[in-house]
C-alpha atoms as a PDB file:
ATOM      1  CA  MET A   1       0.072  -0.111  -0.174  1.00  0.00           C
ATOM      2  CA  THR A   2       1.137   3.087  -1.005  1.00  0.00           C
ATOM      3  CA  ASP A   3       2.167   6.184   1.755  1.00  0.00           C
ATOM      4  CA  MET A   4      -1.018   8.265   0.188  1.00  0.00           C
ATOM      5  CA  LYS A   5      -3.798   5.161   0.446  1.00  0.00           C
ATOM      6  CA  ARG A   6      -2.040   4.624   3.906  1.00  0.00           C
ATOM      7  CA  THR A   7      -3.003   8.456   4.057  1.00  0.00           C
ATOM      8  CA  HIS A   8      -6.389   8.108   3.164  1.00  0.00           C
ATOM      9  CA  ALA A   9      -7.570   4.607   4.837  1.00  0.00           C
ATOM     10  CA  THR A  10      -6.060   6.323   8.225  1.00  0.00           C
ATOM     11  CA  VAL A  11      -8.324   9.291   7.519  1.00  0.00           C
ATOM     12  CA  LEU A  12     -11.483   7.153   6.789  1.00  0.00           C
ATOM     13  CA  ARG A  13     -10.856   5.257  10.142  1.00  0.00           C
ATOM     14  CA  LEU A  14     -10.766   8.812  12.000  1.00  0.00           C
ATOM     15  CA  ILE A  15     -13.786   9.862  10.636  1.00  0.00           C
ATOM     16  CA  LEU A  16     -15.624   6.979  10.890  1.00  0.00           C
ATOM     17  CA  LEU A  17     -14.399   6.657  14.830  1.00  0.00           C
ATOM     18  CA  LEU A  18     -15.257  10.421  15.578  1.00  0.00           C
ATOM     19  CA  ALA A  19     -19.054   9.614  13.667  1.00  0.00           C
ATOM     20  CA  VAL A  20     -19.317   6.843  15.973  1.00  0.00           C
ATOM     21  CA  GLU A  21     -18.962   8.805  19.731  1.00  0.00           C
ATOM     22  CA  THR A  22     -20.343  11.821  18.300  1.00  0.00           C
ATOM     23  CA  ILE A  23     -23.941   9.945  18.348  1.00  0.00           C
ATOM     24  CA  PRO A  24     -25.006   9.950  22.039  1.00  0.00           C
ATOM     25  CA  VAL A  25     -28.152   7.814  22.241  1.00  0.00           C
ATOM     26  CA  THR A  26     -30.282   5.437  19.383  1.00  0.00           C
ATOM     27  CA  THR A  27     -33.591   4.398  19.441  1.00  0.00           C
ATOM     28  CA  HIS A  28     -34.497   0.957  19.785  1.00  0.00           C
ATOM     29  CA  ALA A  29     -36.167  -1.429  17.056  1.00  0.00           C
ATOM     30  CA  GLN A  30     -39.646  -1.696  19.109  1.00  0.00           C
ATOM     31  CA  PRO A  31     -43.225  -1.460  18.495  1.00  0.00           C
ATOM     32  CA  TRP A  32     -44.842   1.602  19.771  1.00  0.00           C
ATOM     33  CA  ASN A  33     -47.831   2.130  21.722  1.00  0.00           C
ATOM     34  CA  ASP A  34     -50.232   5.510  21.911  1.00  0.00           C
ATOM     35  CA  ILE A  35     -50.827   6.858  24.917  1.00  0.00           C
ATOM     36  CA  GLY A  36     -52.869  10.099  23.896  1.00  0.00           C
ATOM     37  CA  GLU A  37     -52.559  13.584  24.155  1.00  0.00           C
ATOM     38  CA  VAL A  38     -49.802  15.170  26.003  1.00  0.00           C
ATOM     39  CA  VAL A  39     -48.289  18.622  27.408  1.00  0.00           C
ATOM     40  CA  PHE A  40     -45.102  20.030  25.374  1.00  0.00           C
ATOM     41  CA  THR A  41     -43.662  23.155  26.125  1.00  0.00           C
ATOM     42  CA  ASP A  42     -41.863  24.022  23.293  1.00  0.00           C
ATOM     43  CA  GLY A  43     -38.907  25.705  23.953  1.00  0.00           C
ATOM     44  CA  TRP A  44     -37.685  25.003  20.643  1.00  0.00           C
ATOM     45  CA  ILE A  45     -39.108  26.532  17.941  1.00  0.00           C
ATOM     46  CA  SER A  46     -42.005  28.638  19.367  1.00  0.00           C
ATOM     47  CA  PRO A  47     -39.763  30.826  20.496  1.00  0.00           C
ATOM     48  CA  MET A  48     -38.700  32.075  16.979  1.00  0.00           C
ATOM     49  CA  TYR A  49     -42.503  33.424  16.434  1.00  0.00           C
ATOM     50  CA  THR A  50     -43.559  34.828  19.967  1.00  0.00           C
ATOM     51  CA  GLY A  51     -40.471  35.201  22.090  1.00  0.00           C
ATOM     52  CA  LYS A  52     -41.080  32.554  24.423  1.00  0.00           C
ATOM     53  CA  ALA A  53     -42.135  28.507  24.983  1.00  0.00           C
ATOM     54  CA  GLU A  54     -45.433  27.936  24.273  1.00  0.00           C
ATOM     55  CA  ARG A  55     -47.503  25.050  25.123  1.00  0.00           C
ATOM     56  CA  LEU A  56     -48.848  22.539  22.307  1.00  0.00           C
ATOM     57  CA  THR A  57     -50.954  19.691  22.796  1.00  0.00           C
ATOM     58  CA  VAL A  58     -49.218  16.630  21.084  1.00  0.00           C
ATOM     59  CA  GLN A  59     -49.964  12.665  20.109  1.00  0.00           C
ATOM     60  CA  ALA A  60     -47.468  10.822  22.369  1.00  0.00           C
ATOM     61  CA  GLN A  61     -46.082   7.419  22.448  1.00  0.00           C
ATOM     62  CA  THR A  62     -43.886   4.870  24.538  1.00  0.00           C
ATOM     63  CA  SER A  63     -41.698   1.833  24.041  1.00  0.00           C
ATOM     64  CA  ALA A  64     -42.675  -1.231  24.248  1.00  0.00           C
ATOM     65  CA  ASP A  65     -40.107  -1.569  27.376  1.00  0.00           C
ATOM     66  CA  GLY A  66     -40.701   1.617  28.336  1.00  0.00           C
ATOM     67  CA  SER A  67     -37.618   3.850  27.609  1.00  0.00           C
ATOM     68  CA  GLN A  68     -38.678   6.072  25.833  1.00  0.00           C
ATOM     69  CA  ILE A  69     -41.258   8.381  25.006  1.00  0.00           C
ATOM     70  CA  ARG A  70     -41.756  10.400  22.051  1.00  0.00           C
ATOM     71  CA  LEU A  71     -43.906  13.116  20.778  1.00  0.00           C
ATOM     72  CA  VAL A  72     -45.606  12.581  17.011  1.00  0.00           C
ATOM     73  CA  GLU A  73     -44.548  15.061  14.518  1.00  0.00           C
ATOM     74  CA  PRO A  74     -45.492  17.947  17.007  1.00  0.00           C
ATOM     75  CA  TYR A  75     -44.845  20.826  14.465  1.00  0.00           C
ATOM     76  CA  SER A  76     -47.615  19.323  12.139  1.00  0.00           C
ATOM     77  CA  SER A  77     -50.015  20.051  15.448  1.00  0.00           C
ATOM     78  CA  ALA A  78     -52.966  22.457  14.674  1.00  0.00           C
ATOM     79  CA  ASP A  79     -51.542  23.994  18.425  1.00  0.00           C
ATOM     80  CA  PHE A  80     -48.213  24.796  16.435  1.00  0.00           C
ATOM     81  CA  SER A  81     -50.115  25.903  12.818  1.00  0.00           C
ATOM     82  CA  GLU A  82     -51.856  28.453  15.423  1.00  0.00           C
ATOM     83  CA  ILE A  83     -48.430  29.857  16.703  1.00  0.00           C
ATOM     84  CA  ALA A  84     -46.645  29.918  13.551  1.00  0.00           C
ATOM     85  CA  GLY A  85     -49.750  31.631  11.800  1.00  0.00           C
ATOM     86  CA  MET A  86     -49.898  29.352   8.555  1.00  0.00           C
ATOM     87  CA  PRO A  87     -50.289  25.890   7.857  1.00  0.00           C
ATOM     88  CA  THR A  88     -47.555  23.859   9.072  1.00  0.00           C
ATOM     89  CA  GLU A  89     -48.687  20.413   8.437  1.00  0.00           C
ATOM     90  CA  GLU A  90     -46.214  19.539   5.800  1.00  0.00           C
ATOM     91  CA  TRP A  91     -43.557  21.273   7.840  1.00  0.00           C
ATOM     92  CA  GLY A  92     -42.890  18.401  10.386  1.00  0.00           C
ATOM     93  CA  ALA A  93     -45.195  15.217   8.805  1.00  0.00           C
ATOM     94  CA  GLY A  94     -43.137  12.251   9.131  1.00  0.00           C
ATOM     95  CA  CYS A  95     -41.016  13.424  12.441  1.00  0.00           C
ATOM     96  CA  TYR A  96     -40.882  12.432  15.793  1.00  0.00           C
ATOM     97  CA  VAL A  97     -39.014  13.854  18.997  1.00  0.00           C
ATOM     98  CA  THR A  98     -37.857  11.369  21.132  1.00  0.00           C
ATOM     99  CA  PHE A  99     -36.260  10.530  24.850  1.00  0.00           C
ATOM    100  CA  ASP A 100     -34.803   7.718  26.651  1.00  0.00           C
ATOM    101  CA  ILE A 101     -35.719   7.881  30.103  1.00  0.00           C
ATOM    102  CA  SER A 102     -34.175   5.182  30.555  1.00  0.00           C
ATOM    103  CA  ASP A 103     -32.028   6.725  33.130  1.00  0.00           C
ATOM    104  CA  PRO A 104     -34.610   9.145  34.597  1.00  0.00           C
ATOM    105  CA  SER A 105     -31.541  11.995  35.976  1.00  0.00           C
ATOM    106  CA  TRP A 106     -29.482  11.812  32.317  1.00  0.00           C
ATOM    107  CA  VAL A 107     -32.717  12.081  30.109  1.00  0.00           C
ATOM    108  CA  ARG A 108     -30.713  12.004  26.771  1.00  0.00           C
ATOM    109  CA  ILE A 109     -32.949  13.088  23.304  1.00  0.00           C
ATOM    110  CA  VAL A 110     -32.455  11.046  20.605  1.00  0.00           C
ATOM    111  CA  PRO A 111     -30.743  13.038  17.286  1.00  0.00           C
ATOM    112  CA  SER A 112     -33.226  13.042  14.974  1.00  0.00           C
ATOM    113  CA  GLU A 113     -35.078  15.778  12.228  1.00  0.00           C
ATOM    114  CA  ALA A 114     -38.401  17.437  14.123  1.00  0.00           C
ATOM    115  CA  ALA A 115     -39.146  19.527  11.099  1.00  0.00           C
ATOM    116  CA  CYS A 116     -38.060  21.468   8.370  1.00  0.00           C
ATOM    117  CA  LEU A 117     -38.963  25.061   8.131  1.00  0.00           C
ATOM    118  CA  PRO A 118     -39.442  26.139   4.665  1.00  0.00           C
ATOM    119  CA  ALA A 119     -37.912  28.698   2.525  1.00  0.00           C
ATOM    120  CA  GLY A 120     -38.221  32.625   3.846  1.00  0.00           C
ATOM    121  CA  VAL A 121     -39.400  31.403   7.418  1.00  0.00           C
ATOM    122  CA  LEU A 122     -35.550  31.750   8.695  1.00  0.00           C
ATOM    123  CA  GLY A 123     -33.638  32.835   5.885  1.00  0.00           C
ATOM    124  CA  THR A 124     -33.862  32.242   2.022  1.00  0.00           C
ATOM    125  CA  SER A 125     -33.462  28.481   2.016  1.00  0.00           C
ATOM    126  CA  ALA A 126     -35.524  26.021   3.819  1.00  0.00           C
ATOM    127  CA  GLN A 127     -33.823  24.763   7.053  1.00  0.00           C
ATOM    128  CA  THR A 128     -33.871  21.634   8.910  1.00  0.00           C
ATOM    129  CA  ILE A 129     -34.546  22.210  12.719  1.00  0.00           C
ATOM    130  CA  ARG A 130     -32.798  19.095  15.288  1.00  0.00           C
ATOM    131  CA  PRO A 131     -33.589  19.231  18.323  1.00  0.00           C
ATOM    132  CA  THR A 132     -31.066  19.202  21.327  1.00  0.00           C
ATOM    133  CA  SER A 133     -30.250  20.245  25.116  1.00  0.00           C
ATOM    134  CA  ARG A 134     -27.182  22.434  26.069  1.00  0.00           C
ATOM    135  CA  GLY A 135     -26.268  19.483  28.630  1.00  0.00           C
ATOM    136  CA  GLU A 136     -26.221  17.299  25.583  1.00  0.00           C
ATOM    137  CA  TYR A 137     -24.363  19.777  23.243  1.00  0.00           C
ATOM    138  CA  MET A 138     -21.679  19.972  26.433  1.00  0.00           C
ATOM    139  CA  HIS A 139     -21.057  16.254  26.421  1.00  0.00           C
ATOM    140  CA  ALA A 140     -20.570  16.212  22.607  1.00  0.00           C
ATOM    141  CA  LEU A 141     -17.729  18.620  23.643  1.00  0.00           C
ATOM    142  CA  GLY A 142     -16.193  16.448  25.763  1.00  0.00           C
ATOM    143  CA  TYR A 143     -17.940  17.559  29.697  1.00  0.00           C
ATOM    144  CA  SER A 144     -18.502  14.734  31.959  1.00  0.00           C
ATOM    145  CA  ARG A 145     -21.657  13.620  33.370  1.00  0.00           C
ATOM    146  CA  GLU A 146     -20.992  14.852  36.286  1.00  0.00           C
ATOM    147  CA  ALA A 147     -19.951  18.813  35.471  1.00  0.00           C
ATOM    148  CA  ILE A 148     -23.455  18.668  33.594  1.00  0.00           C
ATOM    149  CA  THR A 149     -25.220  17.407  36.561  1.00  0.00           C
ATOM    150  CA  ASP A 150     -23.324  19.574  39.330  1.00  0.00           C
ATOM    151  CA  ALA A 151     -24.504  22.679  36.413  1.00  0.00           C
ATOM    152  CA  ALA A 152     -28.068  21.337  36.648  1.00  0.00           C
ATOM    153  CA  LEU A 153     -27.965  21.119  33.015  1.00  0.00           C
ATOM    154  CA  ASN A 154     -28.776  17.453  32.900  1.00  0.00           C
ATOM    155  CA  SER A 155     -32.259  16.689  31.289  1.00  0.00           C
ATOM    156  CA  VAL A 156     -34.670  14.726  33.526  1.00  0.00           C
ATOM    157  CA  TYR A 157     -37.689  12.238  33.877  1.00  0.00           C
ATOM    158  CA  GLU A 158     -39.612  13.032  37.385  1.00  0.00           C
ATOM    159  CA  ASN A 159     -42.993  13.280  38.545  1.00  0.00           C
ATOM    160  CA  LEU A 160     -44.282  11.974  34.869  1.00  0.00           C
ATOM    161  CA  THR A 161     -42.570  15.383  33.237  1.00  0.00           C
ATOM    162  CA  ILE A 162     -39.596  15.348  31.336  1.00  0.00           C
ATOM    163  CA  THR A 163     -37.641  18.820  31.442  1.00  0.00           C
ATOM    164  CA  ILE A 164     -35.224  19.950  29.630  1.00  0.00           C
ATOM    165  CA  PRO A 165     -33.285  22.952  31.325  1.00  0.00           C
ATOM    166  CA  GLN A 166     -31.969  24.393  28.427  1.00  0.00           C
ATOM    167  CA  ALA A 167     -33.020  24.162  25.065  1.00  0.00           C
ATOM    168  CA  MET A 168     -31.067  24.626  21.991  1.00  0.00           C
ATOM    169  CA  VAL A 169     -31.184  23.224  18.402  1.00  0.00           C
ATOM    170  CA  ALA A 170     -29.131  22.155  15.442  1.00  0.00           C
ATOM    171  CA  LEU A 171     -29.596  24.026  12.630  1.00  0.00           C
ATOM    172  CA  GLY A 172     -29.132  22.000   8.918  1.00  0.00           C
ATOM    173  CA  SER A 173     -29.301  18.642   7.332  1.00  0.00           C
ATOM    174  CA  GLU A 174     -26.245  17.247   8.718  1.00  0.00           C
ATOM    175  CA  THR A 175     -26.174  15.930  12.493  1.00  0.00           C
ATOM    176  CA  GLY A 176     -22.725  17.524  13.437  1.00  0.00           C
ATOM    177  CA  ALA A 177     -24.315  21.187  11.896  1.00  0.00           C
ATOM    178  CA  VAL A 178     -23.289  24.119  14.390  1.00  0.00           C
ATOM    179  CA  THR A 179     -25.997  24.133  17.240  1.00  0.00           C
ATOM    180  CA  GLN A 180     -26.886  27.180  18.701  1.00  0.00           C
ATOM    181  CA  SER A 181     -29.184  28.884  21.286  1.00  0.00           C
ATOM    182  CA  LEU A 182     -32.421  30.667  20.508  1.00  0.00           C
ATOM    183  CA  GLY A 183     -32.366  34.495  22.456  1.00  0.00           C
ATOM    184  CA  ASN A 184     -30.158  35.530  25.108  1.00  0.00           C
ATOM    185  CA  THR A 185     -32.729  34.629  27.578  1.00  0.00           C
ATOM    186  CA  PRO A 186     -32.054  30.274  28.524  1.00  0.00           C
ATOM    187  CA  VAL A 187     -35.207  28.782  27.014  1.00  0.00           C
ATOM    188  CA  ALA A 188     -36.207  25.342  29.174  1.00  0.00           C
ATOM    189  CA  VAL A 189     -38.674  22.324  27.180  1.00  0.00           C
ATOM    190  CA  THR A 190     -40.783  19.954  29.182  1.00  0.00           C
ATOM    191  CA  ILE A 191     -43.486  17.344  28.579  1.00  0.00           C
ATOM    192  CA  ASP A 192     -46.086  16.767  30.869  1.00  0.00           C
ATOM    193  CA  ILE A 193     -47.643  13.151  30.231  1.00  0.00           C
ATOM    194  CA  SER A 194     -50.174  13.372  33.291  1.00  0.00           C
ATOM    195  CA  THR A 195     -52.576  13.512  30.981  1.00  0.00           C
ATOM    196  CA  ALA A 196     -51.583  10.529  29.133  1.00  0.00           C
ATOM    197  CA  SER A 197     -53.186   6.679  29.233  1.00  0.00           C
ATOM    198  CA  VAL A 198     -49.759   5.569  31.203  1.00  0.00           C
ATOM    199  CA  GLN A 199     -48.566   5.105  34.874  1.00  0.00           C
ATOM    200  CA  GLU A 200     -45.475   6.107  36.560  1.00  0.00           C
ATOM    201  CA  THR A 201     -44.954   3.050  38.204  1.00  0.00           C
ATOM    202  CA  GLU A 202     -45.037   2.038  34.173  1.00  0.00           C
ATOM    203  CA  MET A 203     -42.689   4.139  33.229  1.00  0.00           C
ATOM    204  CA  ALA A 204     -40.134   5.690  35.864  1.00  0.00           C
ATOM    205  CA  SER A 205     -37.811   2.943  36.219  1.00  0.00           C
ATOM    206  CA  PRO A 206     -37.629   0.790  32.880  1.00  0.00           C
ATOM    207  CA  ASN A 207     -36.096  -1.953  32.703  1.00  0.00           C
ATOM    208  CA  PRO A 208     -33.009  -0.810  35.640  1.00  0.00           C
ATOM    209  CA  ILE A 209     -29.979  -1.620  35.155  1.00  0.00           C
ATOM    210  CA  MET A 210     -28.213  -3.328  38.646  1.00  0.00           C
ATOM    211  CA  THR A 211     -24.705  -4.165  37.075  1.00  0.00           C
ATOM    212  CA  PRO A 212     -22.816  -1.035  37.560  1.00  0.00           C
ATOM    213  CA  GLU A 213     -21.313   0.670  34.373  1.00  0.00           C
ATOM    214  CA  TYR A 214     -18.172   2.738  34.230  1.00  0.00           C
ATOM    215  CA  PHE A 215     -17.147   5.638  32.514  1.00  0.00           C
ATOM    216  CA  THR A 216     -14.145   8.077  32.606  1.00  0.00           C
ATOM    217  CA  LEU A 217     -14.986  11.846  33.653  1.00  0.00           C
ATOM    218  CA  THR A 218     -14.774  12.813  30.460  1.00  0.00           C
ATOM    219  CA  GLY A 219     -18.147  10.428  29.876  1.00  0.00           C
ATOM    220  CA  ILE A 220     -16.276   7.580  27.995  1.00  0.00           C
ATOM    221  CA  THR A 221     -17.882   3.950  28.468  1.00  0.00           C
ATOM    222  CA  VAL A 222     -14.671   2.019  30.219  1.00  0.00           C
ATOM    223  CA  THR A 223     -15.091  -1.980  30.748  1.00  0.00           C
ATOM    224  CA  PRO A 224     -13.983  -3.549  33.920  1.00  0.00           C
ATOM    225  CA  PRO A 225     -11.027  -4.197  34.756  1.00  0.00           C
ATOM    226  CA  LEU A 226     -10.685  -1.295  35.328  1.00  0.00           C
ATOM    227  CA  GLN A 227      -6.942   0.531  35.835  1.00  0.00           C
ATOM    228  CA  PRO A 228      -6.146   2.597  38.854  1.00  0.00           C
ATOM    229  CA  GLY A 229      -7.913   6.185  38.616  1.00  0.00           C
ATOM    230  CA  ILE A 230     -11.047   8.153  39.463  1.00  0.00           C
ATOM    231  CA  TYR A 231     -13.724   6.637  37.607  1.00  0.00           C
ATOM    232  CA  ILE A 232     -18.498   7.324  37.356  1.00  0.00           C
ATOM    233  CA  MET A 233     -19.902   4.578  38.658  1.00  0.00           C
ATOM    234  CA  ARG A 234     -23.799   4.256  37.431  1.00  0.00           C
ATOM    235  CA  THR A 235     -25.788   1.572  38.923  1.00  0.00           C
ATOM    236  CA  GLY A 236     -29.465   1.864  37.577  1.00  0.00           C
ATOM    237  CA  SER A 237     -30.619   5.500  38.244  1.00  0.00           C
ATOM    238  CA  VAL A 238     -27.553   5.914  40.922  1.00  0.00           C
ATOM    239  CA  THR A 239     -24.584   7.932  40.262  1.00  0.00           C
ATOM    240  CA  LYS A 240     -21.251   8.479  41.738  1.00  0.00           C
ATOM    241  CA  LYS A 241     -17.493   8.825  41.857  1.00  0.00           C
ATOM    242  CA  THR A 242     -15.559   6.329  42.835  1.00  0.00           C
ATOM    243  CA  ALA A 243     -11.861   5.452  43.070  1.00  0.00           C
ATOM    244  CA  VAL A 244      -9.767   2.334  41.863  1.00  0.00           C
ATOM    245  CA  ASP A 245      -6.601   1.670  43.327  1.00  0.00           C
END
């Protein structure tokens, strides 16, 4: 193999490695069950129109194992059309916003497209909107789970409500598009499922993992046996720092 080919192969491996490491969570290939309407306080796109998070009533579903909740086409809803002041049925057709609640103290937003705003709404061209949070953004930058939690930027599931403290969006068709805040004031997102046909006991601790999991202080998963050092240990929904001699 020539030096040029070896260089290309090395670059390709690095690109693939980075692509895998920057995807925080993935959806489960499993059936989804309708749970009815939930109240969605939208800090992602509503502020573009009204300057604040607006309340929408949208349909929701839960995964078969109870570990995920997703909003069904939230930006195609009648409530959002009223906020936007125009029909938005096609903006988010076939799009879901999914949350992994398997760890209630560390809820993740599954990367996905929530809506595609047509040309003229945010500029001359159409804009793809991917919802995220400042906690997710910091985690992708290498901040540890502990640091994000200490700053109260971790998303949580508590009392049948998902809370994302600071909403952010990624604009563009690529998952790694530039992520930005909307406005100068941090906006929260909440999903209140208390009105849905689901009981808290069914979803608060879905399939709890009792075997300890270990992470470096920068959030990288490690597998025992561990080298001496300081690690983050997670057992179910309990997370703490531990030292290995």
